[in-house]
Structures are given as structure tokens and as C-alpha cells.
Amino acid sequence: MAVHITPDQEIWVFMSEGAEITGYSSQYLKKLAHKIFKLPEDERVIKIRMRKRRYELWLPDLLNYIDEIGYGPHQDK
């Protein structure tokens, strides 16, 4: 699934949407978001904000993260 976004678009996704795009479970993304959210803003790999007691992930950063890490959970060989 190709996702094309322009830099001027503000696109935030919830865990369920991020899970659907990336192939990771929403529980994994929630743990990742919680871990990243504890870091100072300038050290975060993915921009995260809290709204209505739920995390939102910045889609362009999430897609960059997936480009580096890959889609879905990895199996040990």
C-alpha cells in the first residue's frame, strides 16, 4: 500500500490506524509510543502527542521509522 503525503500536511494517526498501516499490533505501537513519549521532544524518533488520554503518532515520522525497521514483527532466524 503506497501512502503519498506532502510535507505541508498535518497527519496524525491513532494506534489502530498506525497498526493497520504498519502491520504491527496496536499493543506494540502503544508500548513504543509510551517509551518514546518519555524522551525529550528533540530526541524522539516519532513525534507523539497525547489527546483525550490516547497517543497520536505523526504519520510521516511513523512511515520513516517503518522504512528503517520494516513492516510487521520480525522473526528471529
PDB file of N, CA and C in Angstrom:
ATOM      1  N   MET A   1       0.843  -1.170   0.000  1.00  0.00           N
ATOM      2  CA  MET A   1       0.000   0.000   0.000  1.00  0.00           C
ATOM      3  C   MET A   1       0.891   1.237   0.000  1.00  0.00           C
ATOM      4  N   ALA A   2       0.818   2.025  -1.017  1.00  0.00           N
ATOM      5  CA  ALA A   2       1.629   3.229  -1.112  1.00  0.00           C
ATOM      6  C   ALA A   2       0.870   4.402  -0.499  1.00  0.00           C
ATOM      7  N   VAL A   3       1.537   5.103   0.396  1.00  0.00           N
ATOM      8  CA  VAL A   3       0.941   6.269   1.024  1.00  0.00           C
ATOM      9  C   VAL A   3       1.757   7.477   0.604  1.00  0.00           C
ATOM     10  N   HIS A   4       1.131   8.414  -0.077  1.00  0.00           N
ATOM     11  CA  HIS A   4       1.818   9.612  -0.532  1.00  0.00           C
ATOM     12  C   HIS A   4       1.311  10.800   0.268  1.00  0.00           C
ATOM     13  N   ILE A   5       2.251  11.500   0.899  1.00  0.00           N
ATOM     14  CA  ILE A   5       1.884  12.683   1.667  1.00  0.00           C
ATOM     15  C   ILE A   5       2.806  13.814   1.280  1.00  0.00           C
ATOM     16  N   THR A   6       2.305  15.011   1.395  1.00  0.00           N
ATOM     17  CA  THR A   6       3.138  16.169   1.139  1.00  0.00           C
ATOM     18  C   THR A   6       3.607  16.725   2.477  1.00  0.00           C
ATOM     19  N   PRO A   7       4.769  17.382   2.506  1.00  0.00           N
ATOM     20  CA  PRO A   7       5.325  17.861   3.764  1.00  0.00           C
ATOM     21  C   PRO A   7       4.441  18.860   4.513  1.00  0.00           C
ATOM     22  N   ASP A   8       3.574  19.571   3.809  1.00  0.00           N
ATOM     23  CA  ASP A   8       2.758  20.582   4.479  1.00  0.00           C
ATOM     24  C   ASP A   8       1.485  20.012   5.113  1.00  0.00           C
ATOM     25  N   GLN A   9       1.217  18.723   4.909  1.00  0.00           N
ATOM     26  CA  GLN A   9       0.038  18.109   5.503  1.00  0.00           C
ATOM     27  C   GLN A   9       0.314  17.732   6.955  1.00  0.00           C
ATOM     28  N   GLU A  10      -0.639  17.993   7.818  1.00  0.00           N
ATOM     29  CA  GLU A  10      -0.540  17.557   9.204  1.00  0.00           C
ATOM     30  C   GLU A  10      -1.369  16.299   9.345  1.00  0.00           C
ATOM     31  N   ILE A  11      -0.695  15.182   9.488  1.00  0.00           N
ATOM     32  CA  ILE A  11      -1.395  13.913   9.562  1.00  0.00           C
ATOM     33  C   ILE A  11      -0.980  13.184  10.831  1.00  0.00           C
ATOM     34  N   TRP A  12      -1.913  13.071  11.750  1.00  0.00           N
ATOM     35  CA  TRP A  12      -1.712  12.335  12.993  1.00  0.00           C
ATOM     36  C   TRP A  12      -2.601  11.106  12.938  1.00  0.00           C
ATOM     37  N   VAL A  13      -2.083   9.964  13.418  1.00  0.00           N
ATOM     38  CA  VAL A  13      -2.866   8.733  13.421  1.00  0.00           C
ATOM     39  C   VAL A  13      -2.922   8.153  14.828  1.00  0.00           C
ATOM     40  N   PHE A  14      -4.023   7.499  15.148  1.00  0.00           N
ATOM     41  CA  PHE A  14      -4.166   6.778  16.401  1.00  0.00           C
ATOM     42  C   PHE A  14      -3.499   5.412  16.269  1.00  0.00           C
ATOM     43  N   MET A  15      -3.391   4.699  17.372  1.00  0.00           N
ATOM     44  CA  MET A  15      -2.728   3.396  17.384  1.00  0.00           C
ATOM     45  C   MET A  15      -3.355   2.422  16.388  1.00  0.00           C
ATOM     46  N   SER A  16      -4.672   2.360  16.341  1.00  0.00           N
ATOM     47  CA  SER A  16      -5.333   1.400  15.449  1.00  0.00           C
ATOM     48  C   SER A  16      -5.015   1.697  13.986  1.00  0.00           C
ATOM     49  N   GLU A  17      -5.001   2.987  13.631  1.00  0.00           N
ATOM     50  CA  GLU A  17      -4.665   3.368  12.250  1.00  0.00           C
ATOM     51  C   GLU A  17      -3.200   3.077  11.950  1.00  0.00           C
ATOM     52  N   GLY A  18      -2.337   3.390  12.903  1.00  0.00           N
ATOM     53  CA  GLY A  18      -0.911   3.107  12.730  1.00  0.00           C
ATOM     54  C   GLY A  18      -0.641   1.620  12.603  1.00  0.00           C
ATOM     55  N   ALA A  19      -1.368   0.817  13.371  1.00  0.00           N
ATOM     56  CA  ALA A  19      -1.212  -0.637  13.306  1.00  0.00           C
ATOM     57  C   ALA A  19      -1.630  -1.164  11.934  1.00  0.00           C
ATOM     58  N   GLU A  20      -2.712  -0.621  11.409  1.00  0.00           N
ATOM     59  CA  GLU A  20      -3.187  -1.049  10.094  1.00  0.00           C
ATOM     60  C   GLU A  20      -2.172  -0.701   9.001  1.00  0.00           C
ATOM     61  N   ILE A  21      -1.563   0.466   9.094  1.00  0.00           N
ATOM     62  CA  ILE A  21      -0.602   0.912   8.088  1.00  0.00           C
ATOM     63  C   ILE A  21       0.699   0.122   8.166  1.00  0.00           C
ATOM     64  N   THR A  22       1.171  -0.140   9.387  1.00  0.00           N
ATOM     65  CA  THR A  22       2.493  -0.731   9.571  1.00  0.00           C
ATOM     66  C   THR A  22       2.529  -2.244   9.645  1.00  0.00           C
ATOM     67  N   GLY A  23       1.436  -2.865  10.039  1.00  0.00           N
ATOM     68  CA  GLY A  23       1.438  -4.309  10.211  1.00  0.00           C
ATOM     69  C   GLY A  23       1.802  -4.730  11.631  1.00  0.00           C
ATOM     70  N   TYR A  24       2.136  -3.765  12.476  1.00  0.00           N
ATOM     71  CA  TYR A  24       2.404  -4.057  13.881  1.00  0.00           C
ATOM     72  C   TYR A  24       1.088  -4.052  14.646  1.00  0.00           C
ATOM     73  N   SER A  25       1.086  -4.713  15.810  1.00  0.00           N
ATOM     74  CA  SER A  25      -0.134  -4.685  16.626  1.00  0.00           C
ATOM     75  C   SER A  25      -0.265  -3.329  17.308  1.00  0.00           C
ATOM     76  N   SER A  26      -1.478  -2.968  17.661  1.00  0.00           N
ATOM     77  CA  SER A  26      -1.670  -1.688  18.343  1.00  0.00           C
ATOM     78  C   SER A  26      -1.044  -1.719  19.738  1.00  0.00           C
ATOM     79  N   GLN A  27      -0.945  -2.906  20.355  1.00  0.00           N
ATOM     80  CA  GLN A  27      -0.283  -3.016  21.663  1.00  0.00           C
ATOM     81  C   GLN A  27       1.208  -2.696  21.537  1.00  0.00           C
ATOM     82  N   TYR A  28       1.836  -3.198  20.460  1.00  0.00           N
ATOM     83  CA  TYR A  28       3.253  -2.909  20.236  1.00  0.00           C
ATOM     84  C   TYR A  28       3.455  -1.414  20.029  1.00  0.00           C
ATOM     85  N   LEU A  29       2.613  -0.797  19.212  1.00  0.00           N
ATOM     86  CA  LEU A  29       2.744   0.636  18.954  1.00  0.00           C
ATOM     87  C   LEU A  29       2.479   1.451  20.214  1.00  0.00           C
ATOM     88  N   LYS A  30       1.563   0.988  21.057  1.00  0.00           N
ATOM     89  CA  LYS A  30       1.286   1.694  22.308  1.00  0.00           C
ATOM     90  C   LYS A  30       2.508   1.651  23.217  1.00  0.00           C
ATOM     91  N   LYS A  31       3.164   0.488  23.310  1.00  0.00           N
ATOM     92  CA  LYS A  31       4.384   0.373  24.120  1.00  0.00           C
ATOM     93  C   LYS A  31       5.495   1.250  23.548  1.00  0.00           C
ATOM     94  N   LEU A  32       5.630   1.236  22.221  1.00  0.00           N
ATOM     95  CA  LEU A  32       6.636   2.058  21.556  1.00  0.00           C
ATOM     96  C   LEU A  32       6.357   3.538  21.810  1.00  0.00           C
ATOM     97  N   ALA A  33       5.105   3.956  21.671  1.00  0.00           N
ATOM     98  CA  ALA A  33       4.734   5.351  21.889  1.00  0.00           C
ATOM     99  C   ALA A  33       4.994   5.764  23.332  1.00  0.00           C
ATOM    100  N   HIS A  34       4.652   4.890  24.265  1.00  0.00           N
ATOM    101  CA  HIS A  34       4.868   5.186  25.685  1.00  0.00           C
ATOM    102  C   HIS A  34       6.361   5.369  25.965  1.00  0.00           C
ATOM    103  N   LYS A  35       7.176   4.507  25.374  1.00  0.00           N
ATOM    104  CA  LYS A  35       8.636   4.583  25.545  1.00  0.00           C
ATOM    105  C   LYS A  35       9.190   5.875  24.936  1.00  0.00           C
ATOM    106  N   ILE A  36       8.748   6.196  23.735  1.00  0.00           N
ATOM    107  CA  ILE A  36       9.235   7.389  23.040  1.00  0.00           C
ATOM    108  C   ILE A  36       8.716   8.660  23.710  1.00  0.00           C
ATOM    109  N   PHE A  37       7.488   8.619  24.222  1.00  0.00           N
ATOM    110  CA  PHE A  37       6.871   9.796  24.829  1.00  0.00           C
ATOM    111  C   PHE A  37       7.645  10.264  26.059  1.00  0.00           C
ATOM    112  N   LYS A  38       8.344   9.362  26.723  1.00  0.00           N
ATOM    113  CA  LYS A  38       9.133   9.709  27.907  1.00  0.00           C
ATOM    114  C   LYS A  38      10.397  10.497  27.554  1.00  0.00           C
ATOM    115  N   LEU A  39      10.838  10.413  26.293  1.00  0.00           N
ATOM    116  CA  LEU A  39      12.045  11.120  25.855  1.00  0.00           C
ATOM    117  C   LEU A  39      11.760  12.605  25.644  1.00  0.00           C
ATOM    118  N   PRO A  40      12.809  13.438  25.733  1.00  0.00           N
ATOM    119  CA  PRO A  40      12.624  14.853  25.370  1.00  0.00           C
ATOM    120  C   PRO A  40      12.204  14.964  23.902  1.00  0.00           C
ATOM    121  N   GLU A  41      11.433  15.980  23.584  1.00  0.00           N
ATOM    122  CA  GLU A  41      10.879  16.116  22.231  1.00  0.00           C
ATOM    123  C   GLU A  41      11.927  16.086  21.130  1.00  0.00           C
ATOM    124  N   ASP A  42      13.074  16.701  21.347  1.00  0.00           N
ATOM    125  CA  ASP A  42      14.094  16.754  20.299  1.00  0.00           C
ATOM    126  C   ASP A  42      14.806  15.418  20.096  1.00  0.00           C
ATOM    127  N   GLU A  43      14.604  14.434  20.976  1.00  0.00           N
ATOM    128  CA  GLU A  43      15.233  13.120  20.845  1.00  0.00           C
ATOM    129  C   GLU A  43      14.273  12.055  20.312  1.00  0.00           C
ATOM    130  N   ARG A  44      13.032  12.405  20.101  1.00  0.00           N
ATOM    131  CA  ARG A  44      12.036  11.429  19.668  1.00  0.00           C
ATOM    132  C   ARG A  44      12.200  11.088  18.193  1.00  0.00           C
ATOM    133  N   VAL A  45      12.142   9.795  17.885  1.00  0.00           N
ATOM    134  CA  VAL A  45      12.222   9.325  16.504  1.00  0.00           C
ATOM    135  C   VAL A  45      10.904   9.581  15.787  1.00  0.00           C
ATOM    136  N   ILE A  46       9.813   9.484  16.532  1.00  0.00           N
ATOM    137  CA  ILE A  46       8.470   9.717  16.009  1.00  0.00           C
ATOM    138  C   ILE A  46       7.812  10.790  16.880  1.00  0.00           C
ATOM    139  N   LYS A  47       7.256  11.813  16.242  1.00  0.00           N
ATOM    140  CA  LYS A  47       6.526  12.825  17.014  1.00  0.00           C
ATOM    141  C   LYS A  47       5.268  12.182  17.583  1.00  0.00           C
ATOM    142  N   ILE A  48       5.051  12.420  18.855  1.00  0.00           N
ATOM    143  CA  ILE A  48       3.898  11.836  19.544  1.00  0.00           C
ATOM    144  C   ILE A  48       3.214  12.928  20.344  1.00  0.00           C
ATOM    145  N   ARG A  49       1.894  12.889  20.352  1.00  0.00           N
ATOM    146  CA  ARG A  49       1.155  13.791  21.222  1.00  0.00           C
ATOM    147  C   ARG A  49       0.047  12.998  21.906  1.00  0.00           C
ATOM    148  N   MET A  50      -0.385  13.520  23.036  1.00  0.00           N
ATOM    149  CA  MET A  50      -1.433  12.879  23.812  1.00  0.00           C
ATOM    150  C   MET A  50      -2.694  13.714  23.666  1.00  0.00           C
ATOM    151  N   ARG A  51      -3.771  13.077  23.222  1.00  0.00           N
ATOM    152  CA  ARG A  51      -5.068  13.746  23.096  1.00  0.00           C
ATOM    153  C   ARG A  51      -6.136  12.817  23.624  1.00  0.00           C
ATOM    154  N   LYS A  52      -6.927  13.337  24.522  1.00  0.00           N
ATOM    155  CA  LYS A  52      -8.011  12.560  25.126  1.00  0.00           C
ATOM    156  C   LYS A  52      -7.494  11.243  25.692  1.00  0.00           C
ATOM    157  N   ARG A  53      -6.360  11.316  26.377  1.00  0.00           N
ATOM    158  CA  ARG A  53      -5.718  10.175  27.027  1.00  0.00           C
ATOM    159  C   ARG A  53      -5.347   9.063  26.058  1.00  0.00           C
ATOM    160  N   ARG A  54      -5.135   9.426  24.785  1.00  0.00           N
ATOM    161  CA  ARG A  54      -4.694   8.476  23.765  1.00  0.00           C
ATOM    162  C   ARG A  54      -3.517   9.083  23.029  1.00  0.00           C
ATOM    163  N   TYR A  55      -2.588   8.229  22.629  1.00  0.00           N
ATOM    164  CA  TYR A  55      -1.446   8.694  21.863  1.00  0.00           C
ATOM    165  C   TYR A  55      -1.837   8.873  20.405  1.00  0.00           C
ATOM    166  N   GLU A  56      -1.270   9.900  19.789  1.00  0.00           N
ATOM    167  CA  GLU A  56      -1.359  10.086  18.345  1.00  0.00           C
ATOM    168  C   GLU A  56       0.063  10.136  17.828  1.00  0.00           C
ATOM    169  N   LEU A  57       0.299   9.471  16.712  1.00  0.00           N
ATOM    170  CA  LEU A  57       1.619   9.415  16.088  1.00  0.00           C
ATOM    171  C   LEU A  57       1.619  10.259  14.826  1.00  0.00           C
ATOM    172  N   TRP A  58       2.731  10.940  14.569  1.00  0.00           N
ATOM    173  CA  TRP A  58       2.899  11.757  13.364  1.00  0.00           C
ATOM    174  C   TRP A  58       3.182  10.800  12.210  1.00  0.00           C
ATOM    175  N   LEU A  59       2.283  10.723  11.239  1.00  0.00           N
ATOM    176  CA  LEU A  59       2.373   9.746  10.160  1.00  0.00           C
ATOM    177  C   LEU A  59       3.680   9.811   9.370  1.00  0.00           C
ATOM    178  N   PRO A  60       4.176  10.984   8.961  1.00  0.00           N
ATOM    179  CA  PRO A  60       5.444  10.995   8.218  1.00  0.00           C
ATOM    180  C   PRO A  60       6.598  10.361   9.003  1.00  0.00           C
ATOM    181  N   ASP A  61       6.679  10.622  10.307  1.00  0.00           N
ATOM    182  CA  ASP A  61       7.728  10.011  11.123  1.00  0.00           C
ATOM    183  C   ASP A  61       7.522   8.508  11.255  1.00  0.00           C
ATOM    184  N   LEU A  62       6.283   8.081  11.398  1.00  0.00           N
ATOM    185  CA  LEU A  62       5.983   6.654  11.502  1.00  0.00           C
ATOM    186  C   LEU A  62       6.386   5.927  10.224  1.00  0.00           C
ATOM    187  N   LEU A  63       6.105   6.530   9.071  1.00  0.00           N
ATOM    188  CA  LEU A  63       6.484   5.915   7.797  1.00  0.00           C
ATOM    189  C   LEU A  63       8.000   5.859   7.640  1.00  0.00           C
ATOM    190  N   ASN A  64       8.715   6.903   8.106  1.00  0.00           N
ATOM    191  CA  ASN A  64      10.177   6.870   8.067  1.00  0.00           C
ATOM    192  C   ASN A  64      10.720   5.769   8.976  1.00  0.00           C
ATOM    193  N   TYR A  65      10.107   5.612  10.139  1.00  0.00           N
ATOM    194  CA  TYR A  65      10.504   4.560  11.082  1.00  0.00           C
ATOM    195  C   TYR A  65      10.330   3.188  10.426  1.00  0.00           C
ATOM    196  N   ILE A  66       9.220   2.993   9.744  1.00  0.00           N
ATOM    197  CA  ILE A  66       8.947   1.722   9.077  1.00  0.00           C
ATOM    198  C   ILE A  66       9.926   1.483   7.934  1.00  0.00           C
ATOM    199  N   ASP A  67      10.300   2.532   7.206  1.00  0.00           N
ATOM    200  CA  ASP A  67      11.300   2.382   6.144  1.00  0.00           C
ATOM    201  C   ASP A  67      12.613   1.859   6.703  1.00  0.00           C
ATOM    202  N   GLU A  68      12.985   2.315   7.894  1.00  0.00           N
ATOM    203  CA  GLU A  68      14.239   1.885   8.508  1.00  0.00           C
ATOM    204  C   GLU A  68      14.117   0.502   9.143  1.00  0.00           C
ATOM    205  N   ILE A  69      13.022   0.231   9.832  1.00  0.00           N
ATOM    206  CA  ILE A  69      12.851  -1.009  10.597  1.00  0.00           C
ATOM    207  C   ILE A  69      12.199  -2.100   9.744  1.00  0.00           C
ATOM    208  N   GLY A  70      11.225  -1.739   8.925  1.00  0.00           N
ATOM    209  CA  GLY A  70      10.492  -2.709   8.114  1.00  0.00           C
ATOM    210  C   GLY A  70       9.066  -2.863   8.616  1.00  0.00           C
ATOM    211  N   TYR A  71       8.255  -3.541   7.826  1.00  0.00           N
ATOM    212  CA  TYR A  71       6.846  -3.755   8.163  1.00  0.00           C
ATOM    213  C   TYR A  71       6.686  -4.982   9.051  1.00  0.00           C
ATOM    214  N   GLY A  72       5.770  -4.903   9.972  1.00  0.00           N
ATOM    215  CA  GLY A  72       5.363  -6.036  10.787  1.00  0.00           C
ATOM    216  C   GLY A  72       6.441  -6.575  11.705  1.00  0.00           C
ATOM    217  N   PRO A  73       6.059  -7.455  12.607  1.00  0.00           N
ATOM    218  CA  PRO A  73       7.013  -8.041  13.551  1.00  0.00           C
ATOM    219  C   PRO A  73       8.051  -8.884  12.825  1.00  0.00           C
ATOM    220  N   HIS A  74       9.246  -8.859  13.345  1.00  0.00           N
ATOM    221  CA  HIS A  74      10.344  -9.623  12.750  1.00  0.00           C
ATOM    222  C   HIS A  74      10.490 -10.958  13.456  1.00  0.00           C
ATOM    223  N   GLN A  75      10.800 -11.971  12.695  1.00  0.00           N
ATOM    224  CA  GLN A  75      11.029 -13.300  13.249  1.00  0.00           C
ATOM    225  C   GLN A  75      12.525 -13.509  13.422  1.00  0.00           C
ATOM    226  N   ASP A  76      12.941 -14.081  14.558  1.00  0.00           N
ATOM    227  CA  ASP A  76      14.342 -14.424  14.758  1.00  0.00           C
ATOM    228  C   ASP A  76      14.685 -15.623  13.881  1.00  0.00           C
ATOM    229  N   LYS A  77      15.858 -15.572  13.293  1.00  0.00           N
ATOM    230  CA  LYS A  77      16.279 -16.692  12.422  1.00  0.00           C
ATOM    231  C   LYS A  77      17.130 -17.671  13.166  1.00  0.00           C
TER     232      LYS A  77
END
